[in-house]
Protein backbone atom coordinates (compact mmCIF):
# COMPACT_ATOMS: atom_id res chain seq x y z
CA MET A 1 -10.88 -4.92 2.91
CA SER A 2 -9.14 -6.85 0.23
CA LEU A 3 -5.55 -6.73 -0.95
CA VAL A 4 -4.68 -8.71 -4.04
CA SER A 5 -1.52 -9.21 -6.03
CA CYS A 6 -0.83 -10.11 -9.62
CA ASN A 7 -1.18 -13.48 -11.27
CA ASN A 8 -2.14 -16.06 -8.65
CA SER A 9 -4.45 -18.65 -10.18
CA GLU A 10 -5.45 -20.08 -6.79
CA THR A 11 -7.28 -16.96 -5.60
CA ASP A 12 -9.49 -14.20 -6.94
CA VAL A 13 -6.73 -12.02 -8.30
CA SER A 14 -6.49 -9.11 -10.69
CA ARG A 15 -3.65 -8.99 -13.16
CA ALA A 16 -1.73 -5.75 -13.04
CA PRO A 17 0.43 -4.60 -15.94
CA GLY A 18 4.19 -4.85 -15.56
CA LYS A 19 5.91 -7.37 -13.35
CA ASP A 20 4.67 -10.95 -13.16
CA ASN A 21 4.61 -11.32 -9.38
CA ARG A 22 2.59 -13.78 -7.33
CA ALA A 23 1.14 -13.53 -3.84
CA VAL A 24 -0.62 -15.83 -1.46
CA ASN A 25 -3.78 -14.34 0.03
CA LYS A 26 -4.66 -15.21 3.62
CA ASP A 27 -7.09 -13.56 6.04
CA GLY A 28 -7.62 -10.58 3.73
CA GLY A 29 -3.88 -9.96 3.55
CA VAL A 30 -1.15 -10.83 1.13
CA THR A 31 2.19 -12.65 1.34
CA LEU A 32 4.73 -11.44 -1.21
CA LEU A 33 7.27 -14.22 -1.68
CA LEU A 34 10.87 -13.21 -2.30
CA LYS A 35 11.26 -15.91 -4.93
CA ASP A 36 8.52 -14.18 -6.98
CA ALA A 37 9.98 -10.67 -6.75
CA ASP A 38 11.97 -8.78 -9.31
CA MET A 39 15.36 -8.66 -7.61
CA MET A 40 18.60 -6.77 -7.87
CA GLU A 41 21.70 -7.87 -5.97
CA VAL A 42 24.57 -5.38 -5.67
CA ASP A 43 27.76 -7.37 -5.06
CA SER A 44 29.85 -4.34 -4.06
CA ASN A 45 27.14 -2.94 -1.71
CA PRO A 46 24.76 -5.71 -0.54
CA GLN A 47 22.91 -3.26 1.71
CA TYR A 48 21.30 -2.02 -1.53
CA ASN A 49 19.95 -5.43 -2.60
CA THR A 50 16.35 -4.87 -3.67
CA ALA A 51 13.17 -6.89 -4.21
CA GLU A 52 10.07 -5.39 -5.85
CA TRP A 53 6.50 -6.56 -6.33
CA ASN A 54 3.41 -5.05 -7.99
CA PHE A 55 -0.05 -5.78 -6.61
CA VAL A 56 -3.56 -4.34 -6.67
CA VAL A 57 -5.37 -2.94 -3.63
CA HIS A 58 -9.14 -3.20 -4.12
CA LYS A 59 -10.16 -1.33 -0.94
CA ALA A 60 -8.24 1.42 0.81
CA GLY A 61 -7.01 0.98 4.37
CA ARG A 62 -4.09 0.44 6.73
CA TYR A 63 -2.01 -2.74 6.61
CA ASP A 64 0.50 -4.08 9.13
CA VAL A 65 3.78 -5.04 7.47
CA TRP A 66 5.67 -8.13 8.65
CA LEU A 67 9.02 -9.39 7.38
CA SER A 68 9.32 -13.19 7.39
CA SER A 69 12.85 -14.60 7.54
CA LEU A 70 14.42 -18.03 7.73
CA THR A 71 17.13 -18.19 10.38
CA CYS A 72 19.40 -20.55 12.28
CA ASP A 73 19.97 -18.17 15.17
CA THR A 74 17.14 -16.33 16.93
CA SER A 75 19.37 -14.89 19.65
CA THR A 76 21.47 -12.71 17.34
CA ASN A 77 20.25 -10.05 14.95
CA LEU A 78 22.04 -11.05 11.75
CA PHE A 79 20.92 -8.13 9.59
CA ALA A 80 23.92 -5.88 8.86
CA GLY A 81 21.67 -2.82 8.87
CA LYS A 82 18.13 -1.62 8.72
CA VAL A 83 15.60 -3.09 6.31
CA THR A 84 13.68 -0.56 4.23
CA VAL A 85 10.13 -1.14 2.95
CA THR A 86 8.46 1.44 0.70
CA ALA A 87 4.92 1.52 -0.68
CA ALA A 88 2.16 4.10 -1.16
CA GLU A 89 4.40 7.05 -0.28
CA THR A 90 5.37 5.37 3.01
CA ARG A 91 8.91 4.42 3.94
CA LEU A 92 9.51 2.04 6.85
CA GLU A 93 13.06 1.52 8.15
CA LYS A 94 13.83 -0.86 10.97
CA ARG A 95 16.30 -3.51 12.05
CA PRO A 96 14.25 -6.74 12.25
CA VAL A 97 14.19 -8.23 15.74
CA GLY A 98 12.15 -11.43 15.34
CA ASP A 99 8.94 -10.45 17.15
CA LYS A 100 7.45 -13.91 16.51
CA ILE A 101 9.55 -17.07 16.29
CA ILE A 102 7.84 -20.04 14.62
CA THR A 103 9.56 -23.30 15.51
CA ASP A 104 6.89 -25.75 14.36
CA ASP A 105 6.89 -24.89 10.63
CA LYS A 106 6.67 -28.30 8.94
CA ASN A 107 8.45 -26.92 5.85
CA LEU A 108 11.62 -26.24 7.84
CA LYS A 109 14.10 -28.68 9.36
CA SER A 110 16.31 -28.02 12.37
CA PRO A 111 18.25 -25.82 12.93
CA TRP A 112 16.16 -23.48 10.74
CA VAL A 113 13.15 -21.58 12.13
CA ARG A 114 10.94 -18.79 10.84
CA ALA A 115 11.28 -15.33 12.40
CA GLN A 116 8.60 -12.70 11.76
CA SER A 117 9.42 -9.06 12.46
CA HIS A 118 6.80 -6.32 12.63
CA MET A 119 8.05 -3.47 10.45
CA GLY A 120 5.20 -0.96 10.93
CA SER A 121 2.12 -0.16 8.87
CA ILE A 122 1.28 1.32 5.49
CA PHE A 123 -1.89 3.20 4.55
CA PHE A 124 -3.26 2.72 1.03
CA SER A 125 -5.47 5.78 0.49
CA GLU A 126 -7.28 4.48 -2.56
CA PRO A 127 -7.72 1.32 -4.61
CA GLY A 128 -5.25 0.74 -7.40
CA GLU A 129 -1.94 -0.79 -8.41
CA TYR A 130 0.96 -0.30 -6.02
CA GLN A 131 4.60 -1.26 -5.97
CA VAL A 132 6.30 -2.54 -2.82
CA GLN A 133 10.06 -2.32 -2.55
CA LEU A 134 12.23 -4.10 0.02
CA ILE A 135 15.90 -3.16 0.47
CA SER A 136 18.30 -5.17 2.65
CA ASP A 137 21.61 -7.02 2.64
CA ARG A 138 19.52 -10.17 3.27
CA VAL A 139 17.63 -9.86 -0.03
CA LEU A 140 19.37 -12.80 -1.66
CA HIS A 141 18.29 -15.32 -4.30
CA HIS A 142 17.49 -18.64 -2.66
CA SER A 143 15.18 -21.50 -3.47
CA GLY A 144 13.27 -21.34 -0.20
CA ASP A 145 14.46 -24.88 0.46
CA VAL A 146 16.76 -24.39 3.45
CA ASN A 147 18.18 -27.88 2.95
CA LYS A 148 20.00 -26.37 -0.03
CA VAL A 149 21.17 -23.25 1.85
CA SER A 150 24.42 -23.04 3.76
CA GLN A 151 23.94 -22.39 7.47
CA ALA A 152 26.68 -19.77 7.07
CA GLU A 153 23.97 -17.53 5.58
CA HIS A 154 22.27 -17.58 9.04
CA THR A 155 19.32 -15.40 8.00
CA LEU A 156 17.45 -15.10 4.70
CA ILE A 157 14.40 -13.01 3.92
CA ASN A 158 11.58 -15.26 2.75
CA SER A 159 8.60 -12.93 2.29
CA LEU A 160 6.84 -9.69 3.12
CA ILE A 161 3.38 -9.99 4.67
CA LEU A 162 0.73 -7.25 4.59
CA ARG A 163 -2.29 -7.76 6.87
CA PRO A 164 -5.26 -5.41 7.14
CA THR A 165 -5.49 -3.79 10.56
CA VAL A 166 -8.70 -4.02 12.55
CA ASN A 167 -10.12 -0.59 13.36
């Protein structure tokens, strides 16, 4: 199985028409970085903040979906509501709980850690171009450099990870 996104010169990637998004391919999966998404922030209703990516699936199959966040507090769920992920006629809605906490990420300095939340899985029935949409109050523009982010933000979405499931 192979899942590839648009415009990443470091990997074997197909360019899809439309958005100029990038992804990092690892272990047959894809990491869609928030900083590379087309984003919409709704000041009056932040629960409708949206990030979108286009990418190409070369082989059909089921993929686990993980939300990767940067946070200062792993004991409190700091999402105001559920996070919604849509792709391939599938809609996942869940309040992220931090299923995996990564404290040894060399790119982060204390008190920040990475929290990964399993959101569910999506089945891509055939190869082709797909759009992934992420909706949450924590979809906010940030540089990814937490040294430049106020700790008052507490939790920021960093990426969406899709990994092929093993059957």
